[in-house]
N, C-alpha and C. Protein backbone atom coordinates (compact mmCIF):
# COMPACT_ATOMS: atom_id res chain seq x y z
N MET A 1 -19.95 12.99 -22.37
CA MET A 1 -19.02 12.06 -22.06
C MET A 1 -18.56 12.28 -20.58
N ARG A 2 -18.38 13.33 -20.05
CA ARG A 2 -17.71 13.75 -18.86
C ARG A 2 -18.86 13.50 -17.92
N ARG A 3 -20.26 13.81 -18.11
CA ARG A 3 -21.39 13.50 -17.46
C ARG A 3 -21.65 12.03 -17.14
N SER A 4 -21.46 11.31 -18.45
CA SER A 4 -21.42 9.92 -18.14
C SER A 4 -20.62 9.23 -17.50
N LEU A 5 -19.28 9.59 -17.44
CA LEU A 5 -18.32 9.18 -16.60
C LEU A 5 -18.54 9.41 -14.94
N ARG A 6 -18.95 10.69 -14.82
CA ARG A 6 -19.13 11.18 -13.37
C ARG A 6 -20.48 10.36 -12.91
N LEU A 7 -21.48 10.19 -13.71
CA LEU A 7 -22.64 9.43 -13.17
C LEU A 7 -21.94 7.85 -12.84
N LEU A 8 -21.40 7.28 -13.82
CA LEU A 8 -20.79 6.00 -13.49
C LEU A 8 -20.06 5.99 -12.18
N ALA A 9 -19.29 6.95 -12.11
CA ALA A 9 -18.23 6.86 -10.80
C ALA A 9 -19.40 6.97 -9.59
N ILE A 10 -20.24 7.65 -9.73
CA ILE A 10 -21.08 7.85 -8.34
C ILE A 10 -21.80 6.68 -8.20
N ILE A 11 -22.25 5.86 -9.33
CA ILE A 11 -23.12 4.72 -9.17
C ILE A 11 -22.05 3.58 -8.34
N VAL A 12 -20.92 3.66 -9.07
CA VAL A 12 -20.03 2.44 -8.38
C VAL A 12 -19.85 2.58 -7.08
N VAL A 13 -19.52 4.01 -6.81
CA VAL A 13 -19.20 4.11 -5.22
C VAL A 13 -20.41 4.10 -4.48
N ALA A 14 -21.54 4.61 -4.81
CA ALA A 14 -22.84 4.55 -4.04
C ALA A 14 -23.31 2.96 -4.02
N ALA A 15 -22.92 2.18 -4.91
CA ALA A 15 -23.24 0.60 -4.88
C ALA A 15 -22.53 -0.20 -3.94
N GLY A 16 -21.16 0.42 -3.57
CA GLY A 16 -20.28 -0.36 -2.86
C GLY A 16 -19.50 -1.07 -3.54
N THR A 17 -19.44 -1.13 -4.92
CA THR A 17 -18.90 -2.09 -5.65
C THR A 17 -17.19 -1.79 -5.74
N ALA A 18 -16.60 -0.69 -5.20
CA ALA A 18 -15.39 -0.35 -5.18
C ALA A 18 -14.51 -1.57 -4.51
N PRO A 19 -13.31 -1.80 -5.01
CA PRO A 19 -12.68 -2.82 -4.41
C PRO A 19 -12.46 -2.23 -2.76
N LEU A 20 -12.39 -3.20 -1.97
CA LEU A 20 -12.00 -2.94 -0.42
C LEU A 20 -10.89 -1.94 -0.14
N SER A 21 -9.75 -2.09 -1.04
CA SER A 21 -8.64 -1.18 -0.71
C SER A 21 -9.07 0.35 -1.31
N LEU A 22 -9.99 0.50 -1.83
CA LEU A 22 -10.53 1.80 -2.09
C LEU A 22 -11.66 2.48 -1.20
N ARG A 23 -12.05 1.57 -0.50
CA ARG A 23 -13.09 1.90 0.42
C ARG A 23 -12.59 1.78 2.02
N ALA A 24 -11.35 2.62 1.98
CA ALA A 24 -10.76 2.55 3.54
C ALA A 24 -11.56 3.49 4.40
N GLU A 25 -11.50 2.86 5.62
CA GLU A 25 -12.22 3.66 6.66
C GLU A 25 -11.54 4.85 6.91
N PRO A 26 -12.27 5.87 7.30
CA PRO A 26 -11.64 7.16 7.81
C PRO A 26 -10.54 6.95 8.73
N GLY A 27 -9.40 7.66 8.59
CA GLY A 27 -8.43 7.67 9.42
C GLY A 27 -7.36 6.46 9.22
N THR A 28 -7.72 5.51 8.28
CA THR A 28 -6.77 4.35 8.13
C THR A 28 -5.80 4.58 7.23
N LEU A 29 -5.85 5.52 6.41
CA LEU A 29 -4.75 6.16 5.41
C LEU A 29 -4.46 7.49 5.71
N PRO A 30 -3.36 7.88 6.47
CA PRO A 30 -3.13 9.24 6.81
C PRO A 30 -3.21 10.19 5.88
N GLY A 31 -3.88 11.23 5.92
CA GLY A 31 -4.11 12.18 4.96
C GLY A 31 -5.10 12.15 3.82
N VAL A 32 -5.80 10.81 4.02
CA VAL A 32 -7.07 10.51 3.17
C VAL A 32 -8.24 10.64 4.07
N TYR A 33 -9.14 11.73 3.91
CA TYR A 33 -10.20 11.80 4.70
C TYR A 33 -11.39 11.15 3.97
N ASP A 34 -11.47 11.05 2.77
CA ASP A 34 -12.42 10.23 1.97
C ASP A 34 -11.90 9.47 0.89
N ALA A 35 -11.70 8.22 1.15
CA ALA A 35 -11.20 7.54 -0.06
C ALA A 35 -12.01 7.29 -1.08
N SER A 36 -13.45 7.26 -0.82
CA SER A 36 -14.44 7.13 -2.13
C SER A 36 -14.38 8.31 -3.00
N GLN A 37 -14.22 9.55 -2.24
CA GLN A 37 -14.05 10.81 -2.99
C GLN A 37 -12.69 10.69 -3.72
N ALA A 38 -11.78 10.39 -3.29
CA ALA A 38 -10.33 10.35 -3.97
C ALA A 38 -10.63 9.46 -5.16
N HIS A 39 -11.09 8.07 -5.13
CA HIS A 39 -11.26 7.34 -6.11
C HIS A 39 -12.05 7.89 -7.16
N VAL A 40 -13.21 8.72 -6.95
CA VAL A 40 -13.93 9.26 -7.99
C VAL A 40 -13.12 10.40 -8.62
N ASP A 41 -12.54 11.07 -7.82
CA ASP A 41 -11.57 12.15 -8.57
C ASP A 41 -10.52 11.66 -9.18
N TYR A 42 -10.15 10.54 -8.94
CA TYR A 42 -8.97 9.78 -9.75
C TYR A 42 -9.56 9.39 -10.99
N MET A 43 -10.72 8.75 -10.97
CA MET A 43 -11.41 8.41 -12.06
C MET A 43 -11.64 9.68 -13.23
N LEU A 44 -12.29 10.70 -12.68
CA LEU A 44 -12.53 11.98 -13.44
C LEU A 44 -11.42 12.71 -13.80
N LYS A 45 -10.33 12.65 -12.90
CA LYS A 45 -9.07 13.54 -13.41
C LYS A 45 -7.96 12.95 -13.83
N CYS A 46 -7.74 11.58 -13.54
CA CYS A 46 -6.39 11.03 -13.89
C CYS A 46 -6.40 9.87 -14.50
N GLN A 47 -7.47 9.08 -14.59
CA GLN A 47 -7.31 7.80 -15.11
C GLN A 47 -7.32 7.69 -16.80
N GLY A 48 -7.90 8.79 -17.16
CA GLY A 48 -7.74 9.00 -18.60
C GLY A 48 -6.35 8.83 -19.25
N CYS A 49 -5.35 9.40 -18.64
CA CYS A 49 -4.06 9.19 -18.89
C CYS A 49 -3.15 8.19 -18.19
N HIS A 50 -3.38 8.19 -16.87
CA HIS A 50 -2.49 7.23 -16.05
C HIS A 50 -3.44 5.74 -15.99
N ARG A 51 -4.36 5.52 -16.63
CA ARG A 51 -5.20 4.32 -16.70
C ARG A 51 -5.63 3.99 -15.40
N PRO A 52 -6.79 3.13 -15.28
CA PRO A 52 -7.55 2.81 -14.09
C PRO A 52 -6.48 2.12 -13.19
N ASP A 53 -5.50 1.45 -13.47
CA ASP A 53 -4.61 0.66 -12.56
C ASP A 53 -3.45 1.50 -12.55
N GLY A 54 -3.34 2.70 -12.79
CA GLY A 54 -2.03 3.55 -12.55
C GLY A 54 -0.92 3.09 -13.49
N SER A 55 -1.15 2.18 -14.36
CA SER A 55 0.08 1.75 -15.21
C SER A 55 0.52 2.73 -16.18
N GLY A 56 -0.16 3.86 -16.60
CA GLY A 56 0.26 4.82 -17.56
C GLY A 56 0.79 4.17 -18.83
N ASP A 57 1.45 4.93 -19.47
CA ASP A 57 1.96 4.43 -21.03
C ASP A 57 3.54 4.47 -20.74
N ASP A 58 3.93 5.11 -19.95
CA ASP A 58 5.65 4.92 -19.89
C ASP A 58 6.24 5.88 -21.02
N ARG A 59 5.43 6.85 -21.65
CA ARG A 59 5.93 7.72 -22.54
C ARG A 59 5.40 9.10 -22.03
N SER A 60 4.25 9.59 -22.57
CA SER A 60 3.80 10.80 -22.10
C SER A 60 2.82 10.72 -20.82
N ASN A 61 2.62 9.65 -20.42
CA ASN A 61 1.75 9.49 -19.11
C ASN A 61 2.41 8.55 -18.22
N PRO A 62 3.35 8.89 -17.65
CA PRO A 62 4.27 7.70 -16.73
C PRO A 62 3.37 7.11 -15.65
N PRO A 63 3.77 5.71 -15.60
CA PRO A 63 3.06 5.00 -14.42
C PRO A 63 3.32 5.33 -13.11
N MET A 64 2.26 5.14 -12.32
CA MET A 64 2.24 5.40 -10.92
C MET A 64 2.38 4.29 -10.07
N ARG A 65 1.71 3.09 -10.72
CA ARG A 65 1.74 1.78 -9.98
C ARG A 65 3.37 1.40 -9.72
N GLY A 66 3.50 1.24 -8.66
CA GLY A 66 4.84 0.66 -8.08
C GLY A 66 5.94 1.50 -8.20
N VAL A 67 5.45 3.03 -8.51
CA VAL A 67 6.65 3.99 -8.74
C VAL A 67 6.49 5.23 -8.08
N VAL A 68 5.19 5.74 -7.90
CA VAL A 68 4.74 7.10 -7.50
C VAL A 68 5.39 7.37 -6.16
N ALA A 69 5.38 6.46 -4.97
CA ALA A 69 5.83 6.84 -3.76
C ALA A 69 7.22 6.85 -3.67
N ARG A 70 7.95 6.27 -4.59
CA ARG A 70 9.48 6.31 -4.63
C ARG A 70 9.96 7.95 -4.86
N PHE A 71 9.10 8.65 -5.34
CA PHE A 71 9.58 10.04 -5.39
C PHE A 71 9.66 10.70 -4.06
N LEU A 72 8.98 10.17 -3.13
CA LEU A 72 9.18 10.64 -1.74
C LEU A 72 10.48 10.39 -1.08
N GLY A 73 11.38 9.59 -1.60
CA GLY A 73 12.70 9.13 -1.10
C GLY A 73 13.82 9.89 -1.79
N VAL A 74 13.51 10.76 -2.60
CA VAL A 74 14.59 11.40 -3.35
C VAL A 74 14.58 12.95 -3.11
N PRO A 75 15.52 13.90 -2.94
CA PRO A 75 15.45 15.08 -2.80
C PRO A 75 14.72 15.93 -3.89
N GLY A 76 13.67 16.56 -3.59
CA GLY A 76 12.99 17.29 -4.62
C GLY A 76 11.82 16.74 -5.18
N GLY A 77 11.69 15.21 -4.93
CA GLY A 77 10.60 14.31 -5.41
C GLY A 77 9.37 14.72 -4.79
N ARG A 78 9.22 15.06 -3.59
CA ARG A 78 7.95 15.38 -2.98
C ARG A 78 7.28 16.83 -3.55
N GLU A 79 8.25 17.61 -3.93
CA GLU A 79 7.76 18.94 -4.61
C GLU A 79 7.40 18.43 -6.01
N PHE A 80 8.12 17.78 -6.68
CA PHE A 80 7.90 17.42 -7.95
C PHE A 80 6.29 16.77 -8.03
N LEU A 81 5.95 16.00 -7.23
CA LEU A 81 4.66 15.31 -7.25
C LEU A 81 3.46 16.33 -7.05
N GLY A 82 3.76 17.67 -6.37
CA GLY A 82 2.75 18.57 -6.37
C GLY A 82 3.14 19.46 -7.35
N ARG A 83 3.93 19.31 -8.23
CA ARG A 83 4.09 20.62 -9.33
C ARG A 83 3.80 19.81 -10.72
N VAL A 84 3.64 18.43 -10.91
CA VAL A 84 3.44 17.99 -12.15
C VAL A 84 2.13 18.66 -12.79
N PRO A 85 2.04 18.74 -13.99
CA PRO A 85 1.12 19.52 -14.71
C PRO A 85 -0.52 18.98 -14.29
N GLY A 86 -0.64 17.68 -14.24
CA GLY A 86 -1.99 17.13 -13.95
C GLY A 86 -2.34 17.48 -12.58
N VAL A 87 -1.36 17.44 -11.66
CA VAL A 87 -1.73 17.90 -10.26
C VAL A 87 -1.71 19.36 -10.02
N ALA A 88 -0.95 20.01 -10.50
CA ALA A 88 -0.88 21.43 -10.35
C ALA A 88 -1.81 22.29 -11.12
N THR A 89 -2.35 21.81 -12.17
CA THR A 89 -3.44 22.61 -13.00
C THR A 89 -4.89 21.92 -12.78
N THR A 90 -5.01 20.94 -12.11
CA THR A 90 -6.48 20.21 -11.90
C THR A 90 -7.46 21.25 -11.36
N ASN A 91 -8.54 21.22 -11.73
CA ASN A 91 -9.58 22.25 -11.07
C ASN A 91 -10.27 21.75 -9.73
N LEU A 92 -9.60 20.83 -8.98
CA LEU A 92 -10.09 20.47 -7.93
C LEU A 92 -9.37 21.59 -6.72
N ASP A 93 -10.12 21.63 -5.56
CA ASP A 93 -9.61 22.81 -4.67
C ASP A 93 -8.65 21.92 -3.85
N ASP A 94 -7.66 22.70 -3.13
CA ASP A 94 -6.66 22.24 -2.44
C ASP A 94 -6.75 20.91 -1.49
N ALA A 95 -7.85 21.01 -0.68
CA ALA A 95 -8.26 19.99 0.02
C ALA A 95 -8.56 18.71 -0.60
N ARG A 96 -9.20 18.54 -1.68
CA ARG A 96 -9.65 17.52 -2.41
C ARG A 96 -8.32 17.03 -3.14
N LEU A 97 -7.54 18.00 -3.54
CA LEU A 97 -6.26 17.42 -4.25
C LEU A 97 -5.35 16.80 -3.31
N ALA A 98 -5.15 17.47 -2.09
CA ALA A 98 -4.50 16.45 -1.05
C ALA A 98 -4.87 15.23 -0.86
N ASN A 99 -6.33 15.16 -0.51
CA ASN A 99 -6.94 13.60 -0.34
C ASN A 99 -6.54 12.81 -1.69
N LEU A 100 -6.81 13.27 -2.62
CA LEU A 100 -6.48 12.44 -3.97
C LEU A 100 -5.01 11.96 -4.24
N VAL A 101 -4.01 13.03 -3.90
CA VAL A 101 -2.59 12.77 -3.77
C VAL A 101 -2.30 11.72 -2.97
N ASN A 102 -2.46 11.83 -1.62
CA ASN A 102 -2.16 10.98 -0.64
C ASN A 102 -2.96 9.65 -0.99
N TRP A 103 -4.04 9.52 -1.30
CA TRP A 103 -4.84 8.15 -1.67
C TRP A 103 -4.07 7.59 -2.72
N ALA A 104 -3.75 8.27 -3.81
CA ALA A 104 -3.12 7.54 -4.91
C ALA A 104 -1.56 7.11 -4.56
N LEU A 105 -1.06 7.69 -3.63
CA LEU A 105 0.25 7.14 -3.09
C LEU A 105 0.11 5.79 -2.46
N TYR A 106 -0.90 5.77 -1.63
CA TYR A 106 -1.17 4.42 -1.04
C TYR A 106 -1.68 3.55 -1.61
N ARG A 107 -2.67 3.92 -2.85
CA ARG A 107 -3.22 3.02 -3.85
C ARG A 107 -2.37 2.22 -4.76
N PHE A 108 -1.35 3.27 -5.43
CA PHE A 108 -0.62 2.64 -6.38
C PHE A 108 0.77 2.27 -6.19
N ASP A 109 1.29 2.69 -4.83
CA ASP A 109 2.50 2.25 -4.59
C ASP A 109 2.55 1.99 -3.08
N PRO A 110 1.80 1.23 -2.42
CA PRO A 110 2.16 1.03 -0.94
C PRO A 110 3.63 0.41 -0.50
N GLY A 111 4.08 -0.27 -1.60
CA GLY A 111 5.33 -1.06 -1.03
C GLY A 111 6.43 0.07 -0.88
N HIS A 112 6.23 1.27 -1.58
CA HIS A 112 7.26 2.16 -1.30
C HIS A 112 7.08 3.31 -0.43
N MET A 113 5.80 3.30 0.34
CA MET A 113 5.36 4.42 1.08
C MET A 113 6.48 4.45 2.47
N PRO A 114 6.93 5.65 2.61
CA PRO A 114 7.90 5.66 3.72
C PRO A 114 7.24 5.50 5.07
N ALA A 115 7.92 4.85 6.02
CA ALA A 115 7.22 4.70 7.35
C ALA A 115 6.95 5.97 8.05
N ASN A 116 7.78 6.93 7.83
CA ASN A 116 7.65 8.32 8.41
C ASN A 116 7.07 9.05 7.36
N PHE A 117 6.05 8.58 6.60
CA PHE A 117 5.42 9.59 5.60
C PHE A 117 4.53 10.67 6.36
N THR A 118 4.69 11.85 6.01
CA THR A 118 3.87 13.06 6.27
C THR A 118 3.06 13.41 4.96
N PRO A 119 1.64 13.22 5.37
CA PRO A 119 0.68 13.39 4.21
C PRO A 119 0.70 14.97 3.70
N TYR A 120 0.47 14.78 2.32
CA TYR A 120 0.43 16.24 1.68
C TYR A 120 -0.78 17.18 2.44
N THR A 121 -0.69 18.40 2.80
CA THR A 121 -1.67 19.13 3.23
C THR A 121 -2.24 19.88 2.11
N PRO A 122 -3.51 20.55 2.41
CA PRO A 122 -4.13 21.43 1.33
C PRO A 122 -3.04 22.70 1.12
N ALA A 123 -2.53 23.25 2.39
CA ALA A 123 -1.77 24.33 2.28
C ALA A 123 -0.35 24.14 1.50
N GLU A 124 0.32 22.92 1.60
CA GLU A 124 1.38 22.47 0.82
C GLU A 124 1.05 22.37 -0.61
N LEU A 125 0.12 21.66 -0.92
CA LEU A 125 -0.17 21.68 -2.41
C LEU A 125 -0.69 23.09 -2.98
N GLY A 126 -1.31 23.90 -2.25
CA GLY A 126 -1.59 25.00 -2.74
C GLY A 126 -0.34 25.93 -3.19
N ARG A 127 0.55 25.70 -2.24
CA ARG A 127 1.88 26.53 -2.43
C ARG A 127 2.58 25.94 -3.81
N LEU A 128 2.85 24.64 -3.87
CA LEU A 128 3.36 23.83 -4.85
C LEU A 128 2.85 24.20 -6.24
N ARG A 129 1.51 24.06 -6.21
CA ARG A 129 0.87 24.15 -7.54
C ARG A 129 0.73 25.67 -8.08
N GLN A 130 1.36 26.46 -7.37
CA GLN A 130 1.66 27.91 -8.01
C GLN A 130 2.70 27.97 -9.01
N ASP A 131 3.33 26.85 -8.93
CA ASP A 131 4.78 27.02 -9.74
C ASP A 131 4.68 25.68 -10.41
N PRO A 132 3.62 25.25 -11.43
CA PRO A 132 3.65 24.04 -12.26
C PRO A 132 4.76 23.71 -12.95
N LEU A 133 5.33 22.45 -13.09
CA LEU A 133 6.33 22.22 -14.18
C LEU A 133 5.73 22.19 -15.44
N ARG A 134 6.43 22.62 -16.38
CA ARG A 134 6.03 22.61 -17.90
C ARG A 134 6.80 21.73 -18.56
N LEU A 135 7.74 22.47 -19.27
CA LEU A 135 8.52 21.76 -20.38
C LEU A 135 9.71 21.30 -19.67
N ASP A 136 10.23 21.51 -18.40
CA ASP A 136 11.01 20.82 -17.48
C ASP A 136 10.76 19.56 -16.90
N ARG A 137 9.39 19.11 -17.19
CA ARG A 137 8.82 18.15 -16.23
C ARG A 137 9.60 16.69 -16.70
N VAL A 138 9.93 16.44 -17.96
CA VAL A 138 10.34 15.20 -18.46
C VAL A 138 11.92 14.96 -17.65
N ALA A 139 12.70 16.22 -18.10
CA ALA A 139 14.02 16.17 -17.47
C ALA A 139 14.05 16.12 -16.10
N THR A 140 13.13 16.65 -15.26
CA THR A 140 12.98 16.73 -13.92
C THR A 140 12.67 15.24 -13.30
N ARG A 141 11.68 14.82 -14.21
CA ARG A 141 11.25 13.32 -13.67
C ARG A 141 12.37 12.29 -13.91
N ALA A 142 13.30 12.34 -15.09
CA ALA A 142 14.29 11.60 -15.20
C ALA A 142 15.45 11.60 -14.39
N ARG A 143 15.66 13.02 -13.83
CA ARG A 143 16.68 13.05 -12.95
C ARG A 143 16.44 12.61 -11.41
N LEU A 144 15.07 12.94 -11.12
CA LEU A 144 14.74 12.01 -9.84
C LEU A 144 14.69 10.73 -9.79
N VAL A 145 14.11 9.89 -11.08
CA VAL A 145 14.04 8.54 -11.19
C VAL A 145 15.49 8.11 -11.16
N ALA A 146 16.66 8.66 -11.70
CA ALA A 146 17.61 8.28 -11.62
C ALA A 146 18.44 8.19 -10.11
N GLY A 147 17.79 8.82 -9.22
CA GLY A 147 18.30 9.12 -8.01
C GLY A 147 17.44 8.02 -6.85
N PHE A 148 16.64 7.18 -7.41
CA PHE A 148 15.82 6.12 -6.62
C PHE A 148 16.84 4.85 -6.25
N ALA A 149 16.72 4.78 -4.83
CA ALA A 149 17.26 3.51 -4.39
C ALA A 149 16.91 2.21 -5.00
N PRO A 150 17.86 1.25 -5.29
CA PRO A 150 17.43 0.05 -5.93
C PRO A 150 16.55 -0.60 -5.01
N ASP A 151 15.59 -1.28 -5.78
CA ASP A 151 14.60 -2.26 -5.06
C ASP A 151 15.39 -3.42 -4.47
N PRO A 152 15.10 -3.74 -3.25
CA PRO A 152 15.80 -4.93 -2.61
C PRO A 152 15.49 -6.36 -3.71
């Protein structure tokens, strides 16, 4: 099954059929050095739980669409994103993980991206993933979400 998904992802990217928003030119999304690779990594590592459109299920796999960048605006939110289990324990190296996390922020929540966003670096994610959230992830997420500024 994994091999089939990987092959499908490669074919989609190679054929150039990914939506334009997923085929960003290098340098157009700060911190994203390869949007096509990030998209493939998302398909292989994230979308099984968070769904292809980032909608999640709002129970065990929270939505990213329209929400994920909001964590960058609350104290502890940036760190939270680097420590959630799916990020902290994935088998991607720190550079590919930074590429993926930065891409996901732009892809699923461009409307909440801070103007002064500093992209995640491999070193930062390497540090954060040393202390993954486990049982406290749900309570931590709820506390952070309660601190979100209201949408205009």
